[in-house]
N, C-alpha and C. Protein backbone atom coordinates (compact mmCIF):
# COMPACT_ATOMS: atom_id res chain seq x y z
N MET A 1 0.81 -1.21 0.00
CA MET A 1 0.00 0.00 0.00
C MET A 1 0.84 1.26 0.00
N LYS A 2 1.94 1.28 0.77
CA LYS A 2 2.72 2.49 0.91
C LYS A 2 3.43 2.88 -0.38
N ASN A 3 3.52 1.94 -1.33
CA ASN A 3 4.21 2.23 -2.58
C ASN A 3 3.29 2.72 -3.67
N THR A 4 1.96 2.82 -3.32
CA THR A 4 0.99 3.15 -4.36
C THR A 4 1.28 4.48 -5.01
N SER A 5 1.61 5.49 -4.20
CA SER A 5 1.84 6.82 -4.76
C SER A 5 3.07 6.87 -5.63
N ASN A 6 4.04 5.99 -5.35
CA ASN A 6 5.25 5.95 -6.17
C ASN A 6 5.00 5.26 -7.49
N ILE A 7 4.06 4.30 -7.47
CA ILE A 7 3.80 3.50 -8.66
C ILE A 7 3.12 4.33 -9.73
N PHE A 8 2.14 5.16 -9.29
CA PHE A 8 1.39 5.95 -10.25
C PHE A 8 2.14 7.24 -10.53
N SER A 9 2.99 7.25 -11.52
CA SER A 9 3.78 8.45 -11.84
C SER A 9 3.04 9.30 -12.85
N ALA A 10 3.32 10.58 -12.82
CA ALA A 10 2.70 11.50 -13.76
C ALA A 10 3.28 11.33 -15.13
N LEU A 11 2.36 11.71 -16.09
CA LEU A 11 2.86 11.62 -17.45
C LEU A 11 3.95 12.63 -17.69
N ALA A 12 4.83 12.10 -18.53
CA ALA A 12 5.89 13.01 -18.89
C ALA A 12 6.49 12.55 -20.17
N LEU A 13 7.20 13.47 -20.81
CA LEU A 13 7.83 13.12 -22.07
C LEU A 13 9.33 12.98 -21.93
N ALA A 14 9.83 13.02 -20.65
CA ALA A 14 11.29 12.94 -20.47
C ALA A 14 11.81 11.70 -21.15
N GLY A 15 12.86 11.83 -21.87
CA GLY A 15 13.46 10.68 -22.55
C GLY A 15 13.03 10.55 -23.99
N VAL A 16 11.99 11.32 -24.43
CA VAL A 16 11.56 11.25 -25.83
C VAL A 16 12.53 12.07 -26.67
N VAL A 17 13.23 11.43 -27.57
CA VAL A 17 14.21 12.12 -28.43
C VAL A 17 13.84 11.88 -29.89
N VAL A 18 13.61 12.97 -30.62
CA VAL A 18 13.29 12.85 -32.04
C VAL A 18 14.55 13.23 -32.81
N LEU A 19 15.13 12.22 -33.48
CA LEU A 19 16.40 12.45 -34.17
C LEU A 19 16.39 11.67 -35.48
N PHE A 20 16.51 12.38 -36.60
CA PHE A 20 16.57 11.66 -37.87
C PHE A 20 17.45 12.43 -38.84
N ILE A 21 18.07 11.67 -39.76
CA ILE A 21 18.97 12.26 -40.75
C ILE A 21 18.30 12.16 -42.11
N LEU A 22 18.15 13.31 -42.80
CA LEU A 22 17.48 13.28 -44.09
C LEU A 22 18.46 13.16 -45.25
N HIS A 23 19.58 13.83 -45.16
CA HIS A 23 20.51 13.71 -46.28
C HIS A 23 21.89 14.19 -45.88
N PHE A 24 22.89 13.56 -46.48
CA PHE A 24 24.27 14.01 -46.41
C PHE A 24 24.84 13.93 -47.83
N SER A 25 25.44 14.99 -48.24
CA SER A 25 25.99 14.98 -49.59
C SER A 25 27.37 14.35 -49.59
N ASN A 26 27.64 13.55 -50.65
CA ASN A 26 28.95 12.94 -50.86
C ASN A 26 29.47 12.21 -49.62
N PRO A 27 28.80 11.12 -49.18
CA PRO A 27 29.19 10.44 -47.94
C PRO A 27 30.51 9.70 -48.05
N LYS A 28 31.03 9.42 -49.25
CA LYS A 28 32.26 8.66 -49.40
C LYS A 28 33.45 9.59 -49.26
N THR A 29 34.25 9.38 -48.23
CA THR A 29 35.41 10.23 -47.99
C THR A 29 36.62 9.37 -47.71
N THR A 30 37.76 10.01 -47.73
CA THR A 30 39.00 9.32 -47.39
C THR A 30 39.63 10.01 -46.21
N LYS A 31 40.68 9.40 -45.64
CA LYS A 31 41.35 9.97 -44.49
C LYS A 31 41.97 11.32 -44.84
N ASN A 32 42.42 11.50 -46.09
CA ASN A 32 43.12 12.72 -46.46
C ASN A 32 42.21 13.93 -46.48
N ASN A 33 40.92 13.73 -46.82
CA ASN A 33 40.04 14.90 -46.89
C ASN A 33 38.97 14.90 -45.80
N SER A 34 39.16 14.10 -44.73
CA SER A 34 38.16 14.01 -43.67
C SER A 34 37.95 15.33 -42.97
N THR A 35 39.03 16.09 -42.76
CA THR A 35 38.90 17.37 -42.08
C THR A 35 38.08 18.35 -42.90
N SER A 36 38.34 18.38 -44.20
CA SER A 36 37.60 19.28 -45.08
C SER A 36 36.12 18.93 -45.12
N VAL A 37 35.83 17.65 -45.21
CA VAL A 37 34.43 17.21 -45.25
C VAL A 37 33.72 17.57 -43.95
N SER A 38 34.44 17.41 -42.81
CA SER A 38 33.85 17.74 -41.52
C SER A 38 33.45 19.21 -41.47
N HIS A 39 34.29 20.09 -41.96
CA HIS A 39 33.97 21.52 -41.98
C HIS A 39 32.79 21.80 -42.90
N ASN A 40 32.77 21.13 -44.05
CA ASN A 40 31.68 21.35 -44.99
C ASN A 40 30.34 20.94 -44.40
N LEU A 41 30.33 19.79 -43.68
CA LEU A 41 29.10 19.33 -43.06
C LEU A 41 28.63 20.32 -42.01
N THR A 42 29.57 20.81 -41.22
CA THR A 42 29.21 21.78 -40.18
C THR A 42 28.61 23.04 -40.80
N ASP A 43 29.13 23.46 -41.92
CA ASP A 43 28.64 24.67 -42.57
C ASP A 43 27.27 24.48 -43.21
N THR A 44 26.96 23.28 -43.66
CA THR A 44 25.73 23.07 -44.42
C THR A 44 24.61 22.41 -43.63
N LEU A 45 24.90 21.85 -42.48
CA LEU A 45 23.87 21.19 -41.70
C LEU A 45 22.81 22.18 -41.23
N LYS A 46 21.54 21.76 -41.31
CA LYS A 46 20.44 22.55 -40.76
C LYS A 46 19.93 21.83 -39.51
N ILE A 47 19.98 22.50 -38.39
CA ILE A 47 19.64 21.87 -37.11
C ILE A 47 18.55 22.69 -36.42
N ALA A 48 17.63 21.99 -35.75
CA ALA A 48 16.59 22.64 -34.96
C ALA A 48 16.34 21.79 -33.71
N TYR A 49 15.60 22.36 -32.77
CA TYR A 49 15.29 21.59 -31.57
C TYR A 49 13.90 21.93 -31.06
N VAL A 50 13.35 20.99 -30.27
CA VAL A 50 12.06 21.18 -29.62
C VAL A 50 12.28 21.20 -28.12
N ASN A 51 11.85 22.26 -27.46
CA ASN A 51 11.94 22.35 -26.01
C ASN A 51 10.82 21.52 -25.41
N ILE A 52 11.17 20.37 -24.84
CA ILE A 52 10.17 19.43 -24.34
C ILE A 52 9.40 20.01 -23.16
N ASP A 53 10.06 20.79 -22.30
CA ASP A 53 9.38 21.40 -21.16
C ASP A 53 8.25 22.31 -21.64
N THR A 54 8.55 23.14 -22.63
CA THR A 54 7.53 24.04 -23.18
C THR A 54 6.45 23.26 -23.92
N PHE A 55 6.87 22.23 -24.63
CA PHE A 55 5.90 21.40 -25.36
C PHE A 55 4.90 20.77 -24.39
N GLU A 56 5.40 20.22 -23.29
CA GLU A 56 4.52 19.59 -22.30
C GLU A 56 3.54 20.59 -21.70
N ALA A 57 4.01 21.82 -21.50
CA ALA A 57 3.19 22.82 -20.84
C ALA A 57 2.09 23.38 -21.74
N HIS A 58 2.25 23.26 -23.06
CA HIS A 58 1.31 23.93 -23.97
C HIS A 58 0.65 23.00 -25.00
N TYR A 59 0.98 21.73 -24.98
CA TYR A 59 0.30 20.80 -25.90
C TYR A 59 -0.99 20.34 -25.22
N ASP A 60 -2.12 20.80 -25.74
CA ASP A 60 -3.42 20.64 -25.08
C ASP A 60 -3.78 19.17 -24.84
N TYR A 61 -3.56 18.34 -25.83
CA TYR A 61 -3.94 16.93 -25.70
C TYR A 61 -3.16 16.25 -24.58
N LEU A 62 -1.88 16.56 -24.47
CA LEU A 62 -1.06 15.99 -23.40
C LEU A 62 -1.54 16.48 -22.04
N LYS A 63 -1.86 17.77 -21.93
CA LYS A 63 -2.35 18.30 -20.66
C LYS A 63 -3.66 17.63 -20.26
N ALA A 64 -4.55 17.43 -21.23
CA ALA A 64 -5.83 16.80 -20.93
C ALA A 64 -5.63 15.35 -20.47
N LYS A 65 -4.75 14.64 -21.15
CA LYS A 65 -4.48 13.25 -20.76
C LYS A 65 -3.81 13.18 -19.39
N ARG A 66 -2.92 14.13 -19.10
CA ARG A 66 -2.27 14.15 -17.79
C ARG A 66 -3.31 14.34 -16.69
N ASP A 67 -4.25 15.27 -16.91
CA ASP A 67 -5.31 15.50 -15.92
C ASP A 67 -6.17 14.25 -15.75
N GLU A 68 -6.45 13.59 -16.87
CA GLU A 68 -7.26 12.38 -16.81
C GLU A 68 -6.55 11.28 -16.01
N PHE A 69 -5.28 11.10 -16.26
CA PHE A 69 -4.53 10.09 -15.53
C PHE A 69 -4.41 10.44 -14.04
N ASN A 70 -4.24 11.72 -13.74
CA ASN A 70 -4.15 12.13 -12.34
C ASN A 70 -5.45 11.87 -11.58
N LYS A 71 -6.57 12.12 -12.24
CA LYS A 71 -7.87 11.86 -11.62
C LYS A 71 -8.06 10.37 -11.38
N ARG A 72 -7.67 9.56 -12.34
CA ARG A 72 -7.79 8.12 -12.18
C ARG A 72 -6.87 7.61 -11.09
N GLN A 73 -5.68 8.20 -11.00
CA GLN A 73 -4.76 7.83 -9.93
C GLN A 73 -5.38 8.11 -8.57
N SER A 74 -5.97 9.29 -8.42
CA SER A 74 -6.59 9.65 -7.14
C SER A 74 -7.74 8.72 -6.82
N SER A 75 -8.53 8.38 -7.83
CA SER A 75 -9.66 7.48 -7.62
C SER A 75 -9.19 6.09 -7.19
N MET A 76 -8.15 5.58 -7.84
CA MET A 76 -7.62 4.27 -7.48
C MET A 76 -7.03 4.28 -6.07
N GLN A 77 -6.32 5.34 -5.74
CA GLN A 77 -5.75 5.43 -4.40
C GLN A 77 -6.84 5.45 -3.35
N SER A 78 -7.93 6.18 -3.62
CA SER A 78 -9.04 6.25 -2.68
C SER A 78 -9.68 4.87 -2.49
N GLU A 79 -9.85 4.16 -3.59
CA GLU A 79 -10.43 2.81 -3.51
C GLU A 79 -9.55 1.89 -2.67
N LEU A 80 -8.24 1.93 -2.93
CA LEU A 80 -7.32 1.06 -2.19
C LEU A 80 -7.26 1.44 -0.71
N GLU A 81 -7.33 2.73 -0.43
CA GLU A 81 -7.30 3.17 0.97
C GLU A 81 -8.56 2.72 1.70
N ARG A 82 -9.72 2.79 1.04
CA ARG A 82 -10.96 2.33 1.67
C ARG A 82 -10.89 0.83 1.97
N SER A 83 -10.38 0.08 1.01
CA SER A 83 -10.26 -1.36 1.22
C SER A 83 -9.27 -1.68 2.33
N ALA A 84 -8.20 -0.93 2.40
CA ALA A 84 -7.20 -1.15 3.45
C ALA A 84 -7.78 -0.83 4.83
N GLN A 85 -8.58 0.24 4.91
CA GLN A 85 -9.21 0.60 6.17
C GLN A 85 -10.19 -0.47 6.62
N GLN A 86 -10.95 -1.03 5.68
CA GLN A 86 -11.87 -2.12 6.01
C GLN A 86 -11.11 -3.33 6.53
N PHE A 87 -9.98 -3.62 5.89
CA PHE A 87 -9.16 -4.75 6.33
C PHE A 87 -8.62 -4.52 7.74
N GLN A 88 -8.11 -3.31 7.99
CA GLN A 88 -7.57 -3.00 9.31
C GLN A 88 -8.65 -3.07 10.38
N THR A 89 -9.86 -2.65 10.02
CA THR A 89 -10.98 -2.73 10.97
C THR A 89 -11.30 -4.18 11.31
N ARG A 90 -11.29 -5.03 10.31
CA ARG A 90 -11.55 -6.46 10.55
C ARG A 90 -10.45 -7.08 11.42
N VAL A 91 -9.21 -6.71 11.17
CA VAL A 91 -8.09 -7.23 11.95
C VAL A 91 -8.20 -6.78 13.40
N ALA A 92 -8.50 -5.49 13.60
CA ALA A 92 -8.62 -4.97 14.97
C ALA A 92 -9.77 -5.64 15.72
N ASP A 93 -10.87 -5.85 15.03
CA ASP A 93 -12.02 -6.52 15.64
C ASP A 93 -11.68 -7.95 16.04
N PHE A 94 -10.96 -8.64 15.18
CA PHE A 94 -10.55 -10.01 15.48
C PHE A 94 -9.60 -10.05 16.69
N GLN A 95 -8.68 -9.11 16.75
CA GLN A 95 -7.73 -9.07 17.86
C GLN A 95 -8.44 -8.83 19.20
N ARG A 96 -9.46 -7.94 19.19
CA ARG A 96 -10.21 -7.68 20.42
C ARG A 96 -10.93 -8.93 20.89
N LYS A 97 -11.56 -9.61 19.94
CA LYS A 97 -12.30 -10.82 20.30
C LYS A 97 -11.36 -11.91 20.80
N ALA A 98 -10.20 -12.02 20.15
CA ALA A 98 -9.24 -13.05 20.57
C ALA A 98 -8.70 -12.76 21.97
N GLN A 99 -8.41 -11.50 22.26
CA GLN A 99 -7.88 -11.13 23.57
C GLN A 99 -8.91 -11.29 24.68
N SER A 100 -10.18 -11.12 24.34
CA SER A 100 -11.26 -11.27 25.34
C SER A 100 -11.81 -12.68 25.39
N ASN A 101 -11.22 -13.58 24.61
CA ASN A 101 -11.66 -14.98 24.56
C ASN A 101 -13.15 -15.11 24.24
N SER A 102 -13.64 -14.22 23.37
CA SER A 102 -15.07 -14.25 23.03
C SER A 102 -15.35 -15.06 21.77
N ILE A 103 -14.34 -15.70 21.21
CA ILE A 103 -14.54 -16.56 20.06
C ILE A 103 -13.88 -17.91 20.32
N THR A 104 -14.39 -18.90 19.67
CA THR A 104 -13.83 -20.24 19.83
C THR A 104 -12.59 -20.39 18.96
N GLN A 105 -11.87 -21.48 19.19
CA GLN A 105 -10.68 -21.72 18.37
C GLN A 105 -11.05 -21.90 16.91
N ALA A 106 -12.14 -22.61 16.67
CA ALA A 106 -12.58 -22.83 15.29
C ALA A 106 -12.96 -21.52 14.62
N GLU A 107 -13.65 -20.64 15.37
CA GLU A 107 -14.03 -19.34 14.82
C GLU A 107 -12.79 -18.49 14.54
N GLY A 108 -11.82 -18.59 15.45
CA GLY A 108 -10.59 -17.84 15.26
C GLY A 108 -9.84 -18.29 14.03
N GLU A 109 -9.76 -19.59 13.82
CA GLU A 109 -9.06 -20.11 12.66
C GLU A 109 -9.77 -19.71 11.36
N ALA A 110 -11.12 -19.75 11.41
CA ALA A 110 -11.90 -19.37 10.23
C ALA A 110 -11.71 -17.88 9.91
N THR A 111 -11.68 -17.06 10.97
CA THR A 111 -11.50 -15.62 10.77
C THR A 111 -10.11 -15.32 10.22
N GLN A 112 -9.11 -16.01 10.74
CA GLN A 112 -7.75 -15.81 10.24
C GLN A 112 -7.66 -16.16 8.76
N LYS A 113 -8.34 -17.22 8.37
CA LYS A 113 -8.35 -17.61 6.96
C LYS A 113 -9.01 -16.54 6.11
N GLN A 114 -10.13 -16.00 6.61
CA GLN A 114 -10.84 -14.96 5.87
C GLN A 114 -9.98 -13.70 5.73
N LEU A 115 -9.29 -13.35 6.81
CA LEU A 115 -8.44 -12.16 6.76
C LEU A 115 -7.28 -12.34 5.77
N ALA A 116 -6.73 -13.55 5.74
CA ALA A 116 -5.64 -13.83 4.80
C ALA A 116 -6.14 -13.70 3.35
N GLN A 117 -7.35 -14.21 3.11
CA GLN A 117 -7.93 -14.11 1.76
C GLN A 117 -8.23 -12.65 1.41
N MET A 118 -8.71 -11.91 2.40
CA MET A 118 -9.01 -10.49 2.19
C MET A 118 -7.75 -9.70 1.87
N GLN A 119 -6.67 -10.01 2.58
CA GLN A 119 -5.39 -9.34 2.33
C GLN A 119 -4.86 -9.68 0.94
N GLN A 120 -4.98 -10.94 0.56
CA GLN A 120 -4.51 -11.35 -0.76
C GLN A 120 -5.33 -10.67 -1.87
N SER A 121 -6.64 -10.58 -1.66
CA SER A 121 -7.50 -9.92 -2.66
C SER A 121 -7.13 -8.44 -2.79
N LEU A 122 -6.82 -7.82 -1.66
CA LEU A 122 -6.44 -6.42 -1.68
C LEU A 122 -5.14 -6.22 -2.46
N GLN A 123 -4.17 -7.10 -2.23
CA GLN A 123 -2.89 -7.01 -2.93
C GLN A 123 -3.06 -7.24 -4.43
N LEU A 124 -3.90 -8.21 -4.79
CA LEU A 124 -4.15 -8.50 -6.20
C LEU A 124 -4.86 -7.33 -6.88
N ARG A 125 -5.79 -6.70 -6.15
CA ARG A 125 -6.50 -5.56 -6.71
C ARG A 125 -5.54 -4.41 -6.95
N GLU A 126 -4.66 -4.16 -5.99
CA GLU A 126 -3.67 -3.09 -6.15
C GLU A 126 -2.77 -3.37 -7.36
N GLN A 127 -2.35 -4.61 -7.49
CA GLN A 127 -1.48 -4.99 -8.61
C GLN A 127 -2.20 -4.81 -9.94
N ALA A 128 -3.47 -5.23 -9.99
CA ALA A 128 -4.24 -5.13 -11.23
C ALA A 128 -4.44 -3.68 -11.64
N LEU A 129 -4.79 -2.81 -10.68
CA LEU A 129 -5.00 -1.41 -10.98
C LEU A 129 -3.70 -0.75 -11.46
N THR A 130 -2.61 -1.10 -10.80
CA THR A 130 -1.32 -0.54 -11.17
C THR A 130 -0.93 -0.95 -12.59
N GLU A 131 -1.03 -2.23 -12.87
CA GLU A 131 -0.66 -2.73 -14.20
C GLU A 131 -1.54 -2.14 -15.29
N GLN A 132 -2.83 -1.99 -14.99
CA GLN A 132 -3.75 -1.42 -15.97
C GLN A 132 -3.38 0.02 -16.31
N LEU A 133 -3.13 0.82 -15.27
CA LEU A 133 -2.79 2.21 -15.51
C LEU A 133 -1.43 2.35 -16.20
N MET A 134 -0.46 1.55 -15.80
CA MET A 134 0.85 1.61 -16.42
C MET A 134 0.79 1.21 -17.89
N LYS A 135 -0.01 0.20 -18.19
CA LYS A 135 -0.15 -0.24 -19.58
C LYS A 135 -0.77 0.86 -20.44
N GLU A 136 -1.79 1.52 -19.90
CA GLU A 136 -2.43 2.60 -20.66
C GLU A 136 -1.49 3.78 -20.81
N LYS A 137 -0.70 4.07 -19.77
CA LYS A 137 0.26 5.17 -19.86
C LYS A 137 1.33 4.87 -20.91
N ASP A 138 1.82 3.63 -20.92
CA ASP A 138 2.83 3.25 -21.90
C ASP A 138 2.27 3.35 -23.32
N ALA A 139 1.02 2.93 -23.49
CA ALA A 139 0.39 3.00 -24.81
C ALA A 139 0.23 4.46 -25.25
N PHE A 140 -0.13 5.33 -24.31
CA PHE A 140 -0.27 6.74 -24.66
C PHE A 140 1.08 7.36 -25.00
N ASN A 141 2.11 7.04 -24.22
CA ASN A 141 3.44 7.58 -24.51
C ASN A 141 3.93 7.13 -25.89
N GLN A 142 3.65 5.89 -26.26
CA GLN A 142 4.04 5.41 -27.58
C GLN A 142 3.28 6.15 -28.67
N LYS A 143 1.97 6.36 -28.44
CA LYS A 143 1.16 7.10 -29.41
C LYS A 143 1.66 8.54 -29.54
N LEU A 144 2.00 9.14 -28.40
CA LEU A 144 2.51 10.51 -28.42
C LEU A 144 3.81 10.60 -29.20
N HIS A 145 4.69 9.62 -28.98
CA HIS A 145 5.96 9.57 -29.71
C HIS A 145 5.72 9.44 -31.21
N ASP A 146 4.80 8.54 -31.59
CA ASP A 146 4.50 8.32 -33.00
C ASP A 146 3.87 9.57 -33.63
N ASP A 147 2.95 10.21 -32.89
CA ASP A 147 2.30 11.41 -33.41
C ASP A 147 3.31 12.53 -33.63
N LEU A 148 4.21 12.71 -32.67
CA LEU A 148 5.21 13.76 -32.79
C LEU A 148 6.17 13.46 -33.94
N ASN A 149 6.57 12.21 -34.06
CA ASN A 149 7.43 11.81 -35.18
C ASN A 149 6.76 12.09 -36.52
N GLY A 150 5.48 11.68 -36.61
CA GLY A 150 4.74 11.88 -37.85
C GLY A 150 4.60 13.36 -38.20
N PHE A 151 4.31 14.17 -37.18
CA PHE A 151 4.17 15.60 -37.43
C PHE A 151 5.49 16.20 -37.91
N LEU A 152 6.59 15.84 -37.25
CA LEU A 152 7.89 16.42 -37.61
C LEU A 152 8.32 16.02 -39.02
N LYS A 153 7.99 14.83 -39.43
CA LYS A 153 8.33 14.41 -40.79
C LYS A 153 7.57 15.25 -41.81
N ASP A 154 6.28 15.50 -41.53
CA ASP A 154 5.49 16.36 -42.43
C ASP A 154 6.01 17.80 -42.38
N TYR A 155 6.25 18.26 -41.18
CA TYR A 155 6.75 19.64 -40.98
C TYR A 155 8.08 19.86 -41.70
N ASN A 156 8.91 18.83 -41.70
CA ASN A 156 10.26 18.96 -42.24
C ASN A 156 10.32 18.83 -43.76
N LYS A 157 9.21 18.52 -44.40
CA LYS A 157 9.22 18.40 -45.86
C LYS A 157 9.60 19.72 -46.52
N ASN A 158 9.21 20.82 -45.89
CA ASN A 158 9.54 22.14 -46.43
C ASN A 158 10.72 22.80 -45.74
N LYS A 159 10.98 22.37 -44.49
CA LYS A 159 12.06 23.00 -43.72
C LYS A 159 13.43 22.40 -44.05
N ASN A 160 13.46 21.11 -44.35
CA ASN A 160 14.71 20.42 -44.74
C ASN A 160 15.80 20.47 -43.66
N TYR A 161 15.41 20.24 -42.41
CA TYR A 161 16.40 20.14 -41.36
C TYR A 161 17.09 18.78 -41.44
N ASP A 162 18.38 18.76 -41.13
CA ASP A 162 19.12 17.50 -41.08
C ASP A 162 18.93 16.80 -39.73
N PHE A 163 18.84 17.59 -38.66
CA PHE A 163 18.62 17.05 -37.33
C PHE A 163 17.56 17.88 -36.60
N ILE A 164 16.68 17.21 -35.88
CA ILE A 164 15.78 17.87 -34.95
C ILE A 164 15.95 17.17 -33.60
N PHE A 165 16.47 17.91 -32.65
CA PHE A 165 16.75 17.35 -31.33
C PHE A 165 15.65 17.72 -30.34
N SER A 166 15.60 16.96 -29.24
CA SER A 166 14.78 17.36 -28.11
C SER A 166 15.67 18.06 -27.10
N TYR A 167 15.08 18.99 -26.35
CA TYR A 167 15.87 19.77 -25.38
C TYR A 167 15.04 19.97 -24.12
N THR A 168 15.68 19.79 -22.95
CA THR A 168 15.03 20.06 -21.68
C THR A 168 15.96 20.93 -20.84
N GLU A 169 15.37 21.73 -19.96
CA GLU A 169 16.17 22.63 -19.14
C GLU A 169 17.08 21.86 -18.19
N VAL A 170 16.59 20.73 -17.68
CA VAL A 170 17.36 19.91 -16.74
C VAL A 170 17.55 18.52 -17.33
N GLY A 171 18.77 18.04 -17.31
CA GLY A 171 19.03 16.68 -17.75
C GLY A 171 19.39 16.53 -19.21
N SER A 172 19.29 17.59 -19.97
CA SER A 172 19.62 17.51 -21.39
C SER A 172 21.13 17.48 -21.59
N GLN A 173 21.58 16.75 -22.60
CA GLN A 173 23.00 16.74 -22.95
C GLN A 173 23.40 18.00 -23.71
N ILE A 174 22.41 18.75 -24.16
CA ILE A 174 22.68 20.03 -24.81
C ILE A 174 22.79 21.09 -23.72
N LEU A 175 23.96 21.66 -23.53
CA LEU A 175 24.19 22.61 -22.45
C LEU A 175 23.78 24.03 -22.83
N LEU A 176 23.85 24.37 -24.10
CA LEU A 176 23.48 25.70 -24.55
C LEU A 176 22.79 25.59 -25.91
N ALA A 177 21.68 26.26 -26.05
CA ALA A 177 20.92 26.17 -27.30
C ALA A 177 20.65 27.57 -27.83
N ASN A 178 20.86 27.76 -29.13
CA ASN A 178 20.56 29.02 -29.80
C ASN A 178 19.05 29.11 -30.01
N GLU A 179 18.43 30.13 -29.45
CA GLU A 179 16.98 30.26 -29.55
C GLU A 179 16.50 30.41 -30.98
N ALA A 180 17.38 30.82 -31.87
CA ALA A 180 17.00 30.94 -33.28
C ALA A 180 16.69 29.59 -33.90
N LEU A 181 17.19 28.51 -33.27
CA LEU A 181 16.96 27.16 -33.78
C LEU A 181 15.75 26.50 -33.14
N ASP A 182 15.06 27.22 -32.26
CA ASP A 182 13.94 26.67 -31.51
C ASP A 182 12.68 26.67 -32.37
N ILE A 183 12.15 25.49 -32.66
CA ILE A 183 10.93 25.38 -33.46
C ILE A 183 9.76 24.91 -32.59
N THR A 184 9.90 25.05 -31.27
CA THR A 184 8.88 24.53 -30.35
C THR A 184 7.51 25.13 -30.60
N ASP A 185 7.44 26.45 -30.81
CA ASP A 185 6.14 27.10 -31.03
C ASP A 185 5.45 26.53 -32.27
N ASP A 186 6.22 26.30 -33.32
CA ASP A 186 5.65 25.72 -34.54
C ASP A 186 5.09 24.32 -34.25
N VAL A 187 5.84 23.55 -33.49
CA VAL A 187 5.42 22.18 -33.18
C VAL A 187 4.18 22.18 -32.31
N ILE A 188 4.15 23.04 -31.29
CA ILE A 188 2.97 23.12 -30.41
C ILE A 188 1.73 23.51 -31.22
N LYS A 189 1.87 24.55 -32.03
CA LYS A 189 0.74 25.01 -32.84
C LYS A 189 0.26 23.91 -33.78
N GLY A 190 1.20 23.28 -34.46
CA GLY A 190 0.82 22.24 -35.41
C GLY A 190 0.21 21.02 -34.74
N MET A 191 0.79 20.60 -33.62
CA MET A 191 0.26 19.43 -32.91
C MET A 191 -1.11 19.72 -32.31
N ASN A 192 -1.31 20.94 -31.78
CA ASN A 192 -2.61 21.31 -31.24
C ASN A 192 -3.68 21.32 -32.33
N GLU A 193 -3.33 21.82 -33.50
CA GLU A 193 -4.28 21.84 -34.61
C GLU A 193 -4.59 20.42 -35.08
N ARG A 194 -3.56 19.57 -35.10
CA ARG A 194 -3.73 18.20 -35.57
C ARG A 194 -4.62 17.38 -34.63
N THR A 195 -4.53 17.62 -33.33
CA THR A 195 -5.26 16.80 -32.35
C THR A 195 -6.36 17.57 -31.65
N LYS A 196 -6.80 18.67 -32.21
CA LYS A 196 -7.80 19.52 -31.55
C LYS A 196 -9.07 18.74 -31.24
N GLY A 197 -9.55 17.97 -32.20
CA GLY A 197 -10.77 17.19 -31.96
C GLY A 197 -10.59 16.17 -30.88
N THR A 198 -9.44 15.50 -30.87
CA THR A 198 -9.15 14.50 -29.86
C THR A 198 -9.04 15.14 -28.49
N SER A 199 -8.40 16.30 -28.41
CA SER A 199 -8.21 16.99 -27.15
C SER A 199 -9.55 17.43 -26.56
N ASP A 200 -10.44 17.98 -27.41
CA ASP A 200 -11.73 18.41 -26.95
C ASP A 200 -12.55 17.26 -26.41
N THR A 201 -12.47 16.12 -27.12
CA THR A 201 -13.19 14.93 -26.68
C THR A 201 -12.71 14.46 -25.33
N THR A 202 -11.40 14.49 -25.13
CA THR A 202 -10.82 14.05 -23.87
C THR A 202 -11.25 14.95 -22.73
N LYS A 203 -11.29 16.26 -22.94
CA LYS A 203 -11.63 17.20 -21.88
C LYS A 203 -13.08 17.05 -21.44
N LYS A 204 -13.97 16.62 -22.36
CA LYS A 204 -15.37 16.50 -22.04
C LYS A 204 -15.68 15.28 -21.20
N LYS A 205 -14.76 14.31 -21.15
CA LYS A 205 -14.99 13.08 -20.40
C LYS A 205 -14.95 13.35 -18.92
């Protein structure tokens, strides 16, 4: 029971990295001209990045799904807490009766068996709820990754970037980013337009 709050984690996109290479000119090089080719690639590469923190804060569909998952988490926790309280009440009642010798040995053994079954059912219920929510969260994260990938491929048909990286304020391997390369606003706008119907439907639930 005490691990329930740790199990139900909030949605997040940390770890989602969108990285693809569209083209490199003249890939065949030799050791003698490797330095020259390296400089040429640096000069001609088009690079952009998406600020994941900003994306999470302003992508409507993700915000709606996060709220939905948080509500379900609270509901599941409440259910498990109620069941745990009922179990503790039964245990306390049994202990009082046993200490006052108000039950027979057979009744005591039967009650102990019932309590063991009740505890097992509670543990199985907690496990089932956890696995169900985790499975749905994983499925959503995969869908989110696929949707973002699909959008960026369409978006990049006219932009012709060689690399599109993800960037976060904390934990990113990119220590400094030129804001001129930031395409986050374009991505947020495009993704919100693409999933507007889905987002509205989710909010109404």
